[in-house]
Amino acid sequence: MAKTRFGLRVAAAAVAIAVLLNVVEAARLLMKDTPTANEWASVRGVNYVVSTATNSVQMWIEYDPRLVERELDLATAPVRFNAVRVFIHAYPWLVGGDARKVFLSNVEHFCAAAAARKLKPLVVLFDDDFIEVAKTATEALAYVRSGAWKGAGWMTSPGTGLITEDATKSPDAKPSGVSYPLWEAFATDVLAAARRGGPLLGVDLMNEPHQFPNVTAPFIARMQYVVESATGLPTTADSFCDADFCRGIPKGLERVETGVTYHTYWHYHQNLDCLKANASSEVAAHHEQMAEQGKELAAASGKTDLMVTEFGMAGCYCYAARALTKVGVGWILWGLVVGFPGAWQSMYYSNGTAVISADEIKCLEELE
C-alpha cells in the first residue's frame, strides 16, 4: 500500500513537472514572438574613420587594408568593443568599372577584418552631414577625378542633388510611389559585399538627415523598404539628437527605423570640462534624460531597440557610457583613432598611444 501511495506521488509529481515545463516553454515562445527588451542594450561600439582620412571618400579611395586591420586591433584591447560604425560613401562606387570592383572588395575586406576581431559593423549607407560638393552625378564624377577630396572636409553622400536627380515616379514602389534606381543599386551592391565579409549589426540608412527633410524623408523610407526586403537586417536612421540642427531631421523617422538611434553632442556644445568636480553627475544626468526621450519615442512607435550611435568627447566617455549602461541603452562612441575630427574626440592615436586617461580606459573596460 505504501509503495502504491509512493507510486501515485511520483506520478503526480511527474505530471506537475510536465505541466510546468509546458508553461515555461509557452512563456518562452510568447516572449520570443513579443519582444520586450532592448536587443541593442549590450552594444558597446566605436565609430571608425581611418586615421589618414579627413572624409569617407578619402578613406575608401585610399583604402589601406593593413592600416585598417592595425587600427581595428585597437578596438579589441584594452577596451573590448563588440561593434564598429563605419561610413560608406557613394562616390567611389559611382565611378564604376574596376574602381567600383576595388571599392566593393574593400568594403568586404573591412567587414571581414571586423568579424575576425568579433566586431559587428553598423554600416552607414548614406550621409546628410556637412558639405554637398556636387549637385549631379556628372559633377560628382568630376570631383572624384580632380582629387579635391584629399584632405577635404566631411561631405554628404550622395547629397540631396543626386538624390533628387535619381528620384523616379514608380506607382508600384513602396512605400510612397518613388524609387531611386541608382542608389538602390548602390545599396544592394554595398550590402552584398559587406555581408560576404561577415555578420552585420545593422544598417544606418542615413547619418544625420537634417538638411532638406522633404528630400531625405521619402528617400530614407524607400531605402528602409529596399534594405529590409533584401536583407532582413535591422535599420536605423538617427531620428533625433540634442543639437540645434536636429530641428531639421524629418519627423516620424522613429516609425521607419527598425530600432531607434540618436546622437548627443551636448558635452562640447556646453564646452563642458570633464575634469571639473561635478562633471560626472552633469554628464550622467543628461544622458539618462536623452535615454528616456529615446525610450518614449521607441515605445510610441512600437519599438524596443534603442542605442546612441554618436556621443561624447575624450574625458567624458566614461561618465556617459556608464549612465547609458545603467539605463539599458546600447552605445557607440566617437571615435576610435585620431584623424577626423581630432584628438579631442578620439581614444587612441594610430600607433596605439592612448588619448584618454588610464582611468577612463579602465572605466570603459568595466562596462564591456
Protein backbone atom coordinates (compact mmCIF):
# COMPACT_ATOMS: atom_id res chain seq x y z
CA MET A 1 0.00 0.00 0.00
CA ALA A 2 2.88 2.36 0.91
CA LYS A 3 4.51 1.52 -2.44
CA THR A 4 1.24 2.32 -4.20
CA ARG A 5 0.96 5.70 -2.47
CA PHE A 6 4.61 6.42 -3.28
CA GLY A 7 3.99 5.50 -6.91
CA LEU A 8 0.99 7.81 -7.05
CA ARG A 9 3.06 10.66 -5.59
CA VAL A 10 5.80 10.07 -8.17
CA ALA A 11 3.26 10.02 -10.99
CA ALA A 12 1.61 13.19 -9.71
CA ALA A 13 4.98 14.91 -9.44
CA ALA A 14 5.86 13.86 -12.99
CA VAL A 15 2.58 15.31 -14.27
CA ALA A 16 3.18 18.55 -12.35
CA ILE A 17 6.71 18.85 -13.77
CA ALA A 18 5.42 18.21 -17.29
CA VAL A 19 2.76 20.87 -16.88
CA LEU A 20 5.32 23.32 -15.52
CA LEU A 21 7.69 22.65 -18.43
CA ASN A 22 4.87 23.24 -20.90
CA VAL A 23 4.03 26.53 -19.20
CA VAL A 24 7.69 27.62 -19.27
CA GLU A 25 8.03 26.68 -22.95
CA ALA A 26 4.83 28.53 -23.81
CA ALA A 27 6.10 31.60 -21.98
CA ARG A 28 9.44 31.34 -23.76
CA LEU A 29 7.75 31.20 -27.17
CA LEU A 30 5.47 34.10 -26.26
CA MET A 31 8.47 36.21 -25.21
CA LYS A 32 10.25 35.30 -28.43
CA ASP A 33 7.30 36.46 -30.52
CA THR A 34 6.65 39.52 -28.37
CA PRO A 35 9.93 41.36 -27.78
CA THR A 36 10.01 43.33 -24.56
CA ALA A 37 13.71 44.02 -24.14
CA ASN A 38 16.18 46.25 -25.93
CA GLU A 39 18.23 43.88 -28.09
CA TRP A 40 20.81 46.65 -28.60
CA ALA A 41 21.37 47.15 -24.87
CA SER A 42 24.58 45.11 -25.00
CA VAL A 43 26.12 47.08 -27.89
CA ARG A 44 29.49 48.56 -26.90
CA GLY A 45 30.80 50.19 -30.05
CA VAL A 46 33.01 52.83 -31.60
CA ASN A 47 32.85 54.96 -34.75
CA TYR A 48 35.74 54.42 -37.13
CA VAL A 49 37.31 56.58 -39.83
CA VAL A 50 40.85 55.59 -40.79
CA SER A 51 43.43 57.94 -39.26
CA THR A 52 44.83 59.08 -42.62
CA ALA A 53 41.48 60.32 -43.98
CA THR A 54 39.55 63.51 -43.28
CA ASN A 55 36.40 62.24 -45.00
CA SER A 56 34.83 58.96 -46.07
CA VAL A 57 35.58 59.47 -49.78
CA GLN A 58 39.29 59.56 -48.97
CA MET A 59 39.00 56.55 -46.68
CA TRP A 60 37.67 54.31 -49.45
CA ILE A 61 39.66 55.65 -52.41
CA GLU A 62 42.94 55.40 -50.48
CA TYR A 63 41.91 52.27 -48.59
CA ASP A 64 44.88 50.61 -46.85
CA PRO A 65 43.98 47.10 -45.66
CA ARG A 66 46.96 46.72 -43.33
CA LEU A 67 46.39 50.08 -41.68
CA VAL A 68 42.70 49.34 -41.22
CA GLU A 69 43.48 45.98 -39.63
CA ARG A 70 46.06 47.50 -37.29
CA GLU A 71 43.68 50.24 -36.19
CA LEU A 72 40.76 47.83 -35.73
CA ASP A 73 43.04 45.91 -33.36
CA LEU A 74 42.75 48.93 -31.07
CA ALA A 75 39.03 48.15 -30.71
CA THR A 76 39.85 44.79 -29.13
CA ALA A 77 42.15 45.77 -26.23
CA PRO A 78 42.41 47.11 -23.65
CA VAL A 79 38.71 48.02 -24.15
CA ARG A 80 36.88 45.13 -25.81
CA PHE A 81 34.29 46.62 -28.15
CA ASN A 82 31.73 44.43 -29.94
CA ALA A 83 30.56 46.82 -32.68
CA VAL A 84 32.03 49.33 -35.11
CA ARG A 85 30.12 52.01 -37.03
CA VAL A 86 31.61 52.70 -40.47
CA PHE A 87 30.72 55.32 -43.08
CA ILE A 88 30.39 54.19 -46.70
CA HIS A 89 30.49 56.81 -49.46
CA ALA A 90 28.71 56.75 -52.81
CA TYR A 91 31.35 58.43 -54.95
CA PRO A 92 33.92 55.59 -55.14
CA TRP A 93 31.10 53.28 -56.30
CA LEU A 94 29.72 55.85 -58.74
CA VAL A 95 32.96 55.81 -60.76
CA GLY A 96 32.09 52.30 -61.96
CA GLY A 97 34.34 49.82 -63.75
CA ASP A 98 37.38 48.40 -61.96
CA ALA A 99 37.29 51.20 -59.39
CA ARG A 100 33.84 50.04 -58.30
CA LYS A 101 35.06 46.45 -58.01
CA VAL A 102 38.00 47.55 -55.87
CA PHE A 103 35.72 49.64 -53.67
CA LEU A 104 33.32 46.74 -53.07
CA SER A 105 36.25 44.42 -52.40
CA ASN A 106 37.48 46.89 -49.77
CA VAL A 107 34.04 47.01 -48.13
CA GLU A 108 34.11 43.22 -47.96
CA HIS A 109 37.64 43.30 -46.52
CA PHE A 110 36.63 45.80 -43.84
CA CYS A 111 33.72 43.67 -42.69
CA ALA A 112 35.86 40.52 -42.73
CA ALA A 113 38.54 42.28 -40.67
CA ALA A 114 35.86 43.39 -38.22
CA ALA A 115 34.44 39.86 -38.00
CA ALA A 116 37.91 38.46 -37.31
CA ARG A 117 38.02 40.76 -34.28
CA LYS A 118 34.47 39.91 -33.17
CA LEU A 119 33.20 43.37 -34.13
CA LYS A 120 29.83 43.70 -35.85
CA PRO A 121 29.70 46.64 -38.29
CA LEU A 122 26.84 49.12 -38.31
CA VAL A 123 27.09 50.16 -41.97
CA VAL A 124 26.20 53.81 -42.67
CA LEU A 125 24.87 53.75 -46.23
CA PHE A 126 24.16 57.46 -46.81
CA ASP A 127 25.11 60.74 -45.16
CA ASP A 128 23.40 64.14 -44.98
CA ASP A 129 26.01 65.90 -42.88
CA PHE A 130 28.32 68.81 -43.69
CA ILE A 131 29.29 69.76 -47.28
CA GLU A 132 27.45 68.94 -50.52
CA VAL A 133 30.15 69.13 -53.20
CA ALA A 134 28.08 68.01 -56.21
CA LYS A 135 24.52 68.50 -57.39
CA THR A 136 24.62 65.91 -60.20
CA ALA A 137 26.29 62.59 -60.90
CA THR A 138 28.39 64.29 -63.59
CA GLU A 139 29.68 66.83 -61.07
CA ALA A 140 30.38 64.06 -58.55
CA LEU A 141 32.48 62.11 -61.07
CA ALA A 142 34.44 65.25 -61.96
CA TYR A 143 35.04 65.88 -58.25
CA VAL A 144 36.43 62.38 -57.70
CA ARG A 145 38.74 62.64 -60.72
CA SER A 146 40.00 66.06 -59.62
CA GLY A 147 41.42 64.66 -56.39
CA ALA A 148 39.90 67.59 -54.47
CA TRP A 149 38.68 65.13 -51.82
CA LYS A 150 42.23 64.70 -50.47
CA GLY A 151 42.27 66.38 -47.08
CA ALA A 152 38.84 67.94 -47.68
CA GLY A 153 36.14 68.28 -45.04
CA TRP A 154 33.34 65.83 -44.38
CA MET A 155 30.79 65.65 -47.18
CA THR A 156 27.31 64.36 -47.85
CA SER A 157 26.71 61.07 -49.63
CA PRO A 158 25.37 61.20 -52.24
CA GLY A 159 23.82 64.61 -51.44
CA THR A 160 20.31 65.89 -51.96
CA GLY A 161 21.06 66.97 -55.52
CA LEU A 162 21.97 63.45 -56.58
CA ILE A 163 19.03 62.01 -54.68
CA THR A 164 16.64 64.38 -56.46
CA GLU A 165 18.26 63.63 -59.82
CA ASP A 166 17.64 59.90 -59.30
CA ALA A 167 14.08 60.14 -57.95
CA THR A 168 11.71 58.27 -60.27
CA LYS A 169 7.94 58.12 -60.01
CA SER A 170 7.02 54.46 -59.77
CA PRO A 171 3.44 53.73 -58.71
CA ASP A 172 4.40 50.24 -57.51
CA ALA A 173 7.41 51.44 -55.48
CA LYS A 174 6.68 51.11 -51.78
CA PRO A 175 6.05 52.98 -49.59
CA SER A 176 5.35 56.24 -51.44
CA GLY A 177 5.47 55.57 -55.19
CA VAL A 178 9.02 56.92 -55.69
CA SER A 179 12.07 54.78 -56.44
CA TYR A 180 15.78 55.62 -56.69
CA PRO A 181 17.23 53.11 -59.16
CA LEU A 182 20.86 54.25 -58.96
CA TRP A 183 21.07 54.43 -55.19
CA GLU A 184 19.07 51.25 -54.70
CA ALA A 185 21.68 49.50 -56.87
CA PHE A 186 24.41 51.09 -54.75
CA ALA A 187 22.78 49.91 -51.52
CA THR A 188 22.35 46.40 -52.92
CA ASP A 189 25.99 46.18 -54.03
CA VAL A 190 27.39 47.56 -50.78
CA LEU A 191 25.33 45.33 -48.51
CA ALA A 192 26.09 42.24 -50.59
CA ALA A 193 29.82 42.98 -50.25
CA ALA A 194 29.52 43.77 -46.54
CA ARG A 195 27.61 40.54 -45.81
CA ARG A 196 30.20 38.49 -47.69
CA GLY A 197 32.71 39.87 -45.23
CA GLY A 198 30.83 38.87 -42.11
CA PRO A 199 27.76 39.42 -39.92
CA LEU A 200 26.46 42.96 -39.55
CA LEU A 201 24.91 44.69 -36.56
CA GLY A 202 22.60 46.54 -38.92
CA VAL A 203 22.27 49.32 -41.47
CA ASP A 204 22.30 53.03 -40.65
CA LEU A 205 20.24 54.33 -43.56
CA MET A 206 21.47 57.92 -43.32
CA ASN A 207 23.76 59.75 -40.95
CA GLU A 208 22.15 62.90 -39.50
CA PRO A 209 19.41 63.57 -42.08
CA HIS A 210 18.72 67.21 -41.34
CA GLN A 211 19.41 69.49 -44.31
CA PHE A 212 16.44 69.01 -46.66
CA PRO A 213 13.84 66.83 -44.91
CA ASN A 214 11.42 66.97 -47.85
CA VAL A 215 14.09 65.18 -49.92
CA THR A 216 15.58 62.84 -47.33
CA ALA A 217 12.34 61.61 -45.71
CA PRO A 218 10.93 59.73 -48.75
CA PHE A 219 14.44 58.59 -49.68
CA ILE A 220 15.04 57.04 -46.25
CA ALA A 221 11.61 55.41 -46.26
CA ARG A 222 12.26 53.83 -49.66
CA MET A 223 15.75 52.66 -48.65
CA GLN A 224 14.38 51.11 -45.47
CA TYR A 225 11.93 49.11 -47.56
CA VAL A 226 14.66 48.05 -50.03
CA VAL A 227 17.14 47.06 -47.31
CA GLU A 228 14.64 45.18 -45.18
CA SER A 229 13.17 43.36 -48.19
CA ALA A 230 16.60 42.32 -49.50
CA THR A 231 18.42 41.54 -46.25
CA GLY A 232 16.10 41.49 -43.25
CA LEU A 233 18.77 43.48 -41.39
CA PRO A 234 17.84 45.92 -38.62
CA THR A 235 17.80 49.53 -39.83
CA THR A 236 18.37 52.87 -38.11
CA ALA A 237 18.03 56.49 -39.23
CA ASP A 238 19.41 58.75 -36.46
CA SER A 239 15.95 60.05 -35.68
CA PHE A 240 16.82 62.68 -33.05
CA CYS A 241 19.62 64.42 -31.16
CA ASP A 242 20.22 67.38 -28.86
CA ALA A 243 21.95 69.81 -31.24
CA ASP A 244 20.34 72.84 -32.87
CA PHE A 245 20.47 71.36 -36.38
CA CYS A 246 18.38 68.40 -35.24
CA ARG A 247 15.32 70.55 -35.77
CA GLY A 248 15.78 69.74 -39.46
CA ILE A 249 15.53 65.97 -39.00
CA PRO A 250 12.34 64.67 -40.69
CA LYS A 251 9.55 64.00 -38.21
CA GLY A 252 8.50 60.41 -37.70
CA LEU A 253 11.76 58.64 -38.62
CA GLU A 254 11.38 56.55 -35.48
CA ARG A 255 8.42 54.90 -37.22
CA VAL A 256 10.67 54.00 -40.17
CA GLU A 257 13.62 52.61 -38.23
CA THR A 258 13.65 49.02 -37.02
CA GLY A 259 15.04 50.40 -33.79
CA VAL A 260 15.54 53.96 -32.57
CA THR A 261 19.01 55.57 -32.68
CA TYR A 262 20.16 59.04 -31.75
CA HIS A 263 23.21 61.29 -31.33
CA THR A 264 24.14 63.57 -28.45
CA TYR A 265 26.57 66.48 -28.80
CA TRP A 266 25.78 68.14 -25.51
CA HIS A 267 29.27 67.87 -23.99
CA TYR A 268 31.08 70.06 -26.43
CA HIS A 269 28.18 72.38 -27.23
CA GLN A 270 28.19 73.13 -23.50
CA ASN A 271 32.03 73.46 -23.52
CA LEU A 272 31.93 71.08 -20.60
CA ASP A 273 35.21 70.50 -18.80
CA CYS A 274 35.04 66.81 -17.96
CA LEU A 275 37.71 67.21 -15.29
CA LYS A 276 35.71 69.58 -13.11
CA ALA A 277 34.27 68.33 -9.86
CA ASN A 278 30.62 67.91 -10.84
CA ALA A 279 31.14 66.81 -14.47
CA SER A 280 30.29 63.19 -13.71
CA SER A 281 26.80 63.97 -12.41
CA GLU A 282 26.09 66.53 -15.18
CA VAL A 283 27.04 64.14 -17.97
CA ALA A 284 25.20 61.21 -16.40
CA ALA A 285 22.03 63.23 -15.85
CA HIS A 286 21.94 64.47 -19.43
CA HIS A 287 22.48 61.01 -20.91
CA GLU A 288 19.81 59.49 -18.71
CA GLN A 289 17.44 62.25 -19.85
CA MET A 290 18.25 61.58 -23.53
CA ALA A 291 17.80 57.84 -22.99
CA GLU A 292 14.34 58.42 -21.51
CA GLN A 293 13.42 60.56 -24.51
CA GLY A 294 14.58 57.73 -26.77
CA LYS A 295 12.58 55.16 -24.84
CA GLU A 296 9.44 57.27 -25.12
CA LEU A 297 9.90 57.65 -28.89
CA ALA A 298 10.55 53.93 -29.26
CA ALA A 299 7.52 52.95 -27.19
CA ALA A 300 5.24 55.35 -29.07
CA SER A 301 6.22 53.68 -32.36
CA GLY A 302 6.04 50.12 -31.02
CA LYS A 303 9.82 49.63 -30.87
CA THR A 304 12.04 48.30 -28.10
CA ASP A 305 15.54 48.52 -29.59
CA LEU A 306 17.43 51.71 -28.74
CA MET A 307 21.03 52.92 -28.89
CA VAL A 308 23.07 56.09 -29.22
CA THR A 309 25.40 55.91 -32.23
CA GLU A 310 27.45 59.10 -31.67
CA PHE A 311 28.31 60.79 -28.41
CA GLY A 312 30.98 62.20 -26.20
CA MET A 313 34.47 63.58 -26.14
CA ALA A 314 37.74 62.49 -24.58
CA GLY A 315 37.34 62.78 -20.83
CA CYS A 316 33.53 62.43 -20.90
CA TYR A 317 33.18 58.95 -22.42
CA CYS A 318 33.26 57.11 -19.11
CA TYR A 319 30.53 59.18 -17.44
CA ALA A 320 28.27 58.95 -20.48
CA ALA A 321 28.79 55.24 -21.19
CA ARG A 322 28.29 54.34 -17.53
CA ALA A 323 24.96 56.20 -17.46
CA LEU A 324 23.78 54.60 -20.72
CA THR A 325 24.73 51.13 -19.46
CA LYS A 326 22.85 51.77 -16.22
CA VAL A 327 19.60 52.56 -18.06
CA GLY A 328 19.96 49.69 -20.56
CA VAL A 329 20.79 51.63 -23.73
CA GLY A 330 23.43 50.41 -26.19
CA TRP A 331 26.15 52.86 -27.22
CA ILE A 332 28.66 53.62 -29.96
CA LEU A 333 31.07 56.39 -29.02
CA TRP A 334 33.04 58.71 -31.29
CA GLY A 335 35.70 57.72 -32.10
CA LEU A 336 38.45 55.13 -32.24
CA VAL A 337 41.51 56.89 -33.71
CA VAL A 338 42.76 60.44 -34.19
CA GLY A 339 42.02 61.65 -37.70
CA PHE A 340 38.56 63.10 -38.28
CA PRO A 341 37.72 65.23 -36.36
CA GLY A 342 40.71 65.25 -33.96
CA ALA A 343 42.28 64.11 -30.70
CA TRP A 344 39.69 65.86 -28.51
CA GLN A 345 37.10 63.27 -29.60
CA SER A 346 39.30 60.17 -30.02
CA MET A 347 40.50 57.28 -27.88
CA TYR A 348 43.86 56.47 -29.48
CA TYR A 349 46.49 57.67 -31.88
CA SER A 350 47.07 55.31 -34.80
CA ASN A 351 50.21 53.91 -33.13
CA GLY A 352 48.16 52.78 -30.15
CA THR A 353 49.09 55.56 -27.75
CA ALA A 354 46.05 56.47 -25.67
CA VAL A 355 44.49 59.92 -25.90
CA ILE A 356 42.15 59.31 -22.99
CA SER A 357 43.36 58.67 -19.47
CA ALA A 358 44.16 55.29 -17.95
CA ASP A 359 41.24 55.80 -15.55
CA GLU A 360 38.82 56.35 -18.43
CA ILE A 361 40.09 53.25 -20.22
CA LYS A 362 39.64 51.21 -17.04
CA CYS A 363 36.09 52.54 -16.64
CA LEU A 364 35.17 51.56 -20.22
CA GLU A 365 36.74 48.12 -19.70
CA GLU A 366 34.42 47.56 -16.76
CA LEU A 367 31.39 48.29 -18.95
CA GLU A 368 32.15 45.57 -21.52
